[in-house]
């Protein structure tokens, strides 16, 4: 249920991941922030409010922590899902490329 809700959010930002504007892990932080800043209505939102704590600083660094053992398991699952989703999106992007799409950046000034 929770992974499904998060995956919908990630799908909305596929192009941002591909264009290297953000990462799936940063999107996880944004999604949790979004859910935690609104009044929980669905079961997913209630679980996020009850089980997860989010801390951020002014530099944009963040820490996502489970409030209990089940919260820690949830945070770990969400983080692993974010990483695997990003790898999947990038491998799909890379599969469509040919070797001539990449230029040689070696420095020949010697």
N, C-alpha and C. Protein backbone atom coordinates (compact mmCIF):
# COMPACT_ATOMS: atom_id res chain seq x y z
N UNK A 1 0.81 -1.18 0.00
CA UNK A 1 0.00 0.00 0.00
C UNK A 1 0.87 1.27 0.00
N UNK A 2 1.84 1.29 0.91
CA UNK A 2 2.68 2.47 1.04
C UNK A 2 3.65 2.57 -0.14
N UNK A 3 4.25 1.43 -0.52
CA UNK A 3 5.15 1.44 -1.67
C UNK A 3 4.41 1.82 -2.94
N UNK A 4 3.16 1.40 -3.07
CA UNK A 4 2.36 1.75 -4.24
C UNK A 4 2.13 3.27 -4.29
N UNK A 5 1.82 3.87 -3.16
CA UNK A 5 1.60 5.32 -3.11
C UNK A 5 2.89 6.06 -3.45
N UNK A 6 4.01 5.58 -2.92
CA UNK A 6 5.29 6.21 -3.21
C UNK A 6 5.68 6.03 -4.67
N UNK A 7 5.39 4.85 -5.22
CA UNK A 7 5.75 4.61 -6.63
C UNK A 7 4.96 5.51 -7.57
N UNK A 8 3.73 5.82 -7.24
CA UNK A 8 2.95 6.77 -8.05
C UNK A 8 3.62 8.14 -8.05
N UNK A 9 4.10 8.54 -6.89
CA UNK A 9 4.80 9.82 -6.77
C UNK A 9 6.07 9.80 -7.61
N UNK A 10 6.83 8.72 -7.53
CA UNK A 10 8.06 8.60 -8.31
C UNK A 10 7.79 8.65 -9.81
N UNK A 11 6.75 7.97 -10.25
CA UNK A 11 6.43 7.95 -11.69
C UNK A 11 6.16 9.34 -12.22
N UNK A 12 5.61 10.20 -11.40
CA UNK A 12 5.34 11.57 -11.81
C UNK A 12 6.63 12.36 -12.03
N UNK A 13 7.74 11.87 -11.51
CA UNK A 13 9.02 12.58 -11.58
C UNK A 13 10.08 11.81 -12.36
N UNK A 14 9.66 10.87 -13.22
CA UNK A 14 10.62 10.10 -14.02
C UNK A 14 11.57 11.00 -14.81
N UNK A 15 11.03 12.01 -15.46
CA UNK A 15 11.87 12.88 -16.29
C UNK A 15 12.89 13.64 -15.46
N UNK A 16 12.54 14.01 -14.24
CA UNK A 16 13.50 14.70 -13.37
C UNK A 16 14.66 13.78 -13.00
N UNK A 17 14.37 12.50 -12.79
CA UNK A 17 15.42 11.53 -12.47
C UNK A 17 16.31 11.34 -13.68
N UNK A 18 15.71 11.15 -14.85
CA UNK A 18 16.47 10.93 -16.08
C UNK A 18 17.34 12.13 -16.42
N UNK A 19 16.82 13.33 -16.21
CA UNK A 19 17.57 14.56 -16.51
C UNK A 19 18.54 14.94 -15.39
N UNK A 20 18.65 14.08 -14.39
CA UNK A 20 19.58 14.28 -13.28
C UNK A 20 19.28 15.55 -12.49
N UNK A 21 18.01 15.94 -12.44
CA UNK A 21 17.60 17.10 -11.65
C UNK A 21 17.43 16.73 -10.18
N UNK A 22 17.15 15.45 -9.93
CA UNK A 22 16.94 14.96 -8.58
C UNK A 22 17.23 13.47 -8.54
N UNK A 23 17.17 12.91 -7.35
CA UNK A 23 17.34 11.47 -7.20
C UNK A 23 16.06 10.90 -6.56
N UNK A 24 15.91 9.61 -6.67
CA UNK A 24 14.74 8.97 -6.06
C UNK A 24 14.78 9.09 -4.54
N UNK A 25 15.96 9.12 -3.96
CA UNK A 25 16.09 9.27 -2.52
C UNK A 25 15.64 10.67 -2.08
N UNK A 26 16.01 11.68 -2.85
CA UNK A 26 15.54 13.04 -2.53
C UNK A 26 14.04 13.15 -2.72
N UNK A 27 13.51 12.44 -3.72
CA UNK A 27 12.06 12.43 -3.92
C UNK A 27 11.37 11.73 -2.76
N UNK A 28 12.00 10.73 -2.17
CA UNK A 28 11.44 10.09 -0.98
C UNK A 28 11.30 11.10 0.14
N UNK A 29 12.31 11.92 0.34
CA UNK A 29 12.24 12.96 1.36
C UNK A 29 11.10 13.93 1.06
N UNK A 30 11.01 14.37 -0.19
CA UNK A 30 9.95 15.32 -0.56
C UNK A 30 8.57 14.72 -0.36
N UNK A 31 8.43 13.43 -0.70
CA UNK A 31 7.13 12.77 -0.55
C UNK A 31 6.76 12.66 0.93
N UNK A 32 7.71 12.25 1.75
CA UNK A 32 7.43 12.15 3.19
C UNK A 32 7.10 13.52 3.76
N UNK A 33 7.85 14.55 3.36
CA UNK A 33 7.57 15.91 3.82
C UNK A 33 6.15 16.31 3.43
N UNK A 34 5.78 16.03 2.18
CA UNK A 34 4.44 16.37 1.69
C UNK A 34 3.36 15.67 2.53
N UNK A 35 3.54 14.39 2.78
CA UNK A 35 2.54 13.62 3.55
C UNK A 35 2.49 14.12 4.99
N UNK A 36 3.64 14.41 5.59
CA UNK A 36 3.66 14.81 6.99
C UNK A 36 3.13 16.22 7.22
N UNK A 37 3.13 17.06 6.18
CA UNK A 37 2.65 18.43 6.35
C UNK A 37 1.16 18.58 6.11
N UNK A 38 0.48 17.50 5.85
CA UNK A 38 -0.97 17.60 5.68
C UNK A 38 -1.66 16.71 6.71
N UNK A 39 -2.90 16.98 6.95
CA UNK A 39 -3.67 16.18 7.89
C UNK A 39 -3.89 14.80 7.29
N UNK A 40 -3.51 13.74 8.03
CA UNK A 40 -3.64 12.40 7.47
C UNK A 40 -5.10 11.98 7.31
N UNK A 41 -5.40 11.49 6.11
CA UNK A 41 -6.76 11.04 5.83
C UNK A 41 -6.79 9.55 5.49
N UNK A 42 -5.83 9.11 4.67
CA UNK A 42 -5.81 7.70 4.25
C UNK A 42 -4.97 6.89 5.25
N UNK A 43 -5.06 5.57 5.12
CA UNK A 43 -4.26 4.70 5.98
C UNK A 43 -2.77 4.93 5.74
N UNK A 44 -2.39 5.12 4.50
CA UNK A 44 -0.98 5.37 4.16
C UNK A 44 -0.49 6.61 4.89
N UNK A 45 -1.22 7.69 4.82
CA UNK A 45 -0.82 8.93 5.47
C UNK A 45 -0.75 8.77 6.98
N UNK A 46 -1.70 8.04 7.55
CA UNK A 46 -1.70 7.82 9.00
C UNK A 46 -0.48 7.01 9.43
N UNK A 47 -0.13 6.01 8.64
CA UNK A 47 1.05 5.19 8.96
C UNK A 47 2.32 6.03 8.87
N UNK A 48 2.44 6.83 7.81
CA UNK A 48 3.62 7.69 7.65
C UNK A 48 3.74 8.63 8.85
N UNK A 49 2.63 9.24 9.26
CA UNK A 49 2.65 10.16 10.41
C UNK A 49 3.06 9.44 11.69
N UNK A 50 2.58 8.22 11.86
CA UNK A 50 2.80 7.49 13.09
C UNK A 50 4.19 6.84 13.15
N UNK A 51 4.71 6.39 12.03
CA UNK A 51 5.91 5.56 12.03
C UNK A 51 7.20 6.25 11.60
N UNK A 52 7.12 7.41 10.91
CA UNK A 52 8.31 8.01 10.33
C UNK A 52 8.53 9.43 10.83
N UNK A 53 9.80 9.73 11.12
CA UNK A 53 10.19 11.08 11.49
C UNK A 53 11.15 11.59 10.42
N UNK A 54 10.99 12.85 10.04
CA UNK A 54 11.84 13.47 9.03
C UNK A 54 12.49 14.70 9.64
N UNK A 55 13.81 14.76 9.50
CA UNK A 55 14.56 15.94 9.97
C UNK A 55 15.34 16.50 8.78
N UNK A 56 15.32 17.84 8.65
CA UNK A 56 16.04 18.51 7.56
C UNK A 56 16.77 19.72 8.12
N UNK A 57 17.86 20.08 7.44
CA UNK A 57 18.55 21.31 7.80
C UNK A 57 18.41 22.31 6.66
N UNK A 58 18.95 23.50 6.86
CA UNK A 58 18.82 24.56 5.86
C UNK A 58 19.59 24.27 4.58
N UNK A 59 20.55 23.37 4.64
CA UNK A 59 21.35 23.03 3.46
C UNK A 59 20.67 22.00 2.56
N UNK A 60 19.54 21.49 3.00
CA UNK A 60 18.83 20.48 2.20
C UNK A 60 19.18 19.06 2.57
N UNK A 61 20.04 18.87 3.57
CA UNK A 61 20.35 17.53 4.04
C UNK A 61 19.16 17.04 4.85
N UNK A 62 18.92 15.74 4.80
CA UNK A 62 17.76 15.21 5.51
C UNK A 62 18.09 13.87 6.14
N UNK A 63 17.28 13.52 7.12
CA UNK A 63 17.40 12.26 7.82
C UNK A 63 15.99 11.71 8.00
N UNK A 64 15.79 10.50 7.55
CA UNK A 64 14.50 9.83 7.69
C UNK A 64 14.70 8.69 8.69
N UNK A 65 13.91 8.70 9.77
CA UNK A 65 14.09 7.73 10.84
C UNK A 65 12.74 7.10 11.18
N UNK A 66 12.77 5.80 11.43
CA UNK A 66 11.58 5.12 11.92
C UNK A 66 11.43 5.35 13.40
N UNK A 67 10.21 5.59 13.84
CA UNK A 67 9.96 5.85 15.26
C UNK A 67 9.91 4.57 16.08
N UNK A 68 9.73 3.44 15.42
CA UNK A 68 9.67 2.14 16.08
C UNK A 68 10.36 1.13 15.18
N UNK A 69 10.40 -0.11 15.62
CA UNK A 69 11.02 -1.15 14.79
C UNK A 69 10.29 -1.29 13.46
N UNK A 70 8.98 -1.27 13.47
CA UNK A 70 8.23 -1.37 12.21
C UNK A 70 8.45 -0.13 11.35
N UNK A 71 8.64 1.01 11.98
CA UNK A 71 8.96 2.24 11.24
C UNK A 71 10.33 2.15 10.58
N UNK A 72 11.29 1.55 11.28
CA UNK A 72 12.63 1.37 10.71
C UNK A 72 12.58 0.41 9.52
N UNK A 73 11.78 -0.62 9.62
CA UNK A 73 11.62 -1.56 8.50
C UNK A 73 10.98 -0.84 7.32
N UNK A 74 9.99 -0.02 7.59
CA UNK A 74 9.32 0.75 6.54
C UNK A 74 10.28 1.73 5.86
N UNK A 75 11.05 2.46 6.65
CA UNK A 75 12.02 3.41 6.09
C UNK A 75 13.04 2.67 5.22
N UNK A 76 13.52 1.54 5.70
CA UNK A 76 14.49 0.75 4.94
C UNK A 76 13.87 0.27 3.63
N UNK A 77 12.63 -0.19 3.67
CA UNK A 77 11.95 -0.66 2.46
C UNK A 77 11.74 0.49 1.46
N UNK A 78 11.34 1.64 1.96
CA UNK A 78 11.15 2.80 1.08
C UNK A 78 12.47 3.25 0.45
N UNK A 79 13.53 3.27 1.24
CA UNK A 79 14.84 3.66 0.72
C UNK A 79 15.33 2.66 -0.33
N UNK A 80 15.21 1.37 -0.04
CA UNK A 80 15.62 0.35 -1.01
C UNK A 80 14.79 0.44 -2.29
N UNK A 81 13.51 0.71 -2.14
CA UNK A 81 12.64 0.85 -3.31
C UNK A 81 13.07 2.06 -4.14
N UNK A 82 13.37 3.16 -3.48
CA UNK A 82 13.80 4.38 -4.19
C UNK A 82 15.08 4.11 -4.99
N UNK A 83 16.03 3.45 -4.38
CA UNK A 83 17.29 3.15 -5.06
C UNK A 83 17.06 2.21 -6.24
N UNK A 84 16.29 1.16 -6.03
CA UNK A 84 16.06 0.21 -7.12
C UNK A 84 15.23 0.83 -8.23
N UNK A 85 14.29 1.71 -7.89
CA UNK A 85 13.50 2.39 -8.91
C UNK A 85 14.38 3.28 -9.77
N UNK A 86 15.27 4.02 -9.14
CA UNK A 86 16.17 4.90 -9.89
C UNK A 86 17.07 4.07 -10.80
N UNK A 87 17.59 2.96 -10.29
CA UNK A 87 18.42 2.08 -11.12
C UNK A 87 17.64 1.54 -12.31
N UNK A 88 16.38 1.18 -12.09
CA UNK A 88 15.53 0.67 -13.16
C UNK A 88 15.30 1.73 -14.23
N UNK A 89 14.94 2.94 -13.81
CA UNK A 89 14.69 4.04 -14.76
C UNK A 89 15.95 4.34 -15.57
N UNK A 90 17.08 4.40 -14.90
CA UNK A 90 18.32 4.71 -15.61
C UNK A 90 18.75 3.58 -16.53
N UNK A 91 18.51 2.33 -16.15
CA UNK A 91 18.87 1.23 -17.04
C UNK A 91 17.97 1.21 -18.27
N UNK A 92 16.69 1.57 -18.09
CA UNK A 92 15.79 1.69 -19.25
C UNK A 92 16.26 2.80 -20.17
N UNK A 93 16.67 3.92 -19.60
CA UNK A 93 17.17 5.04 -20.39
C UNK A 93 18.43 4.64 -21.14
N UNK A 94 19.33 3.97 -20.45
CA UNK A 94 20.59 3.56 -21.05
C UNK A 94 20.40 2.51 -22.13
N UNK A 95 19.42 1.64 -22.00
CA UNK A 95 19.17 0.59 -22.98
C UNK A 95 18.80 1.17 -24.34
N UNK A 96 18.22 2.35 -24.36
CA UNK A 96 17.83 2.99 -25.62
C UNK A 96 18.98 3.72 -26.30
N UNK A 97 20.12 3.80 -25.66
CA UNK A 97 21.25 4.55 -26.20
C UNK A 97 22.20 3.63 -26.97
N UNK A 98 22.89 4.22 -27.90
CA UNK A 98 23.93 3.52 -28.65
C UNK A 98 25.27 4.13 -28.26
N UNK A 99 26.33 3.41 -28.56
CA UNK A 99 27.64 3.89 -28.12
C UNK A 99 27.99 5.24 -28.73
N UNK A 100 27.48 5.55 -29.91
CA UNK A 100 27.80 6.84 -30.53
C UNK A 100 27.03 8.01 -29.89
N UNK A 101 26.12 7.72 -28.96
CA UNK A 101 25.43 8.79 -28.23
C UNK A 101 26.34 9.42 -27.18
N UNK A 102 27.42 8.76 -26.88
CA UNK A 102 28.33 9.24 -25.84
C UNK A 102 29.61 9.73 -26.50
N UNK A 103 30.02 10.91 -26.11
CA UNK A 103 31.24 11.47 -26.70
C UNK A 103 32.43 11.11 -25.84
N UNK A 104 33.56 11.11 -26.43
CA UNK A 104 34.81 10.81 -25.74
C UNK A 104 35.30 12.10 -25.08
N UNK A 105 35.39 12.11 -23.78
CA UNK A 105 35.81 13.31 -23.06
C UNK A 105 37.28 13.27 -22.65
N UNK A 106 38.07 12.47 -23.34
CA UNK A 106 39.49 12.43 -22.99
C UNK A 106 40.14 13.73 -23.42
N UNK A 107 41.05 14.17 -22.65
CA UNK A 107 41.75 15.42 -22.90
C UNK A 107 42.96 15.16 -23.81
N UNK A 108 42.96 15.70 -24.99
CA UNK A 108 44.04 15.50 -25.95
C UNK A 108 44.97 16.71 -26.03
N UNK A 109 45.04 17.49 -24.98
CA UNK A 109 45.87 18.70 -25.00
C UNK A 109 47.33 18.43 -24.67
N UNK A 110 47.68 17.21 -24.33
CA UNK A 110 49.08 16.89 -23.95
C UNK A 110 49.99 17.03 -25.13
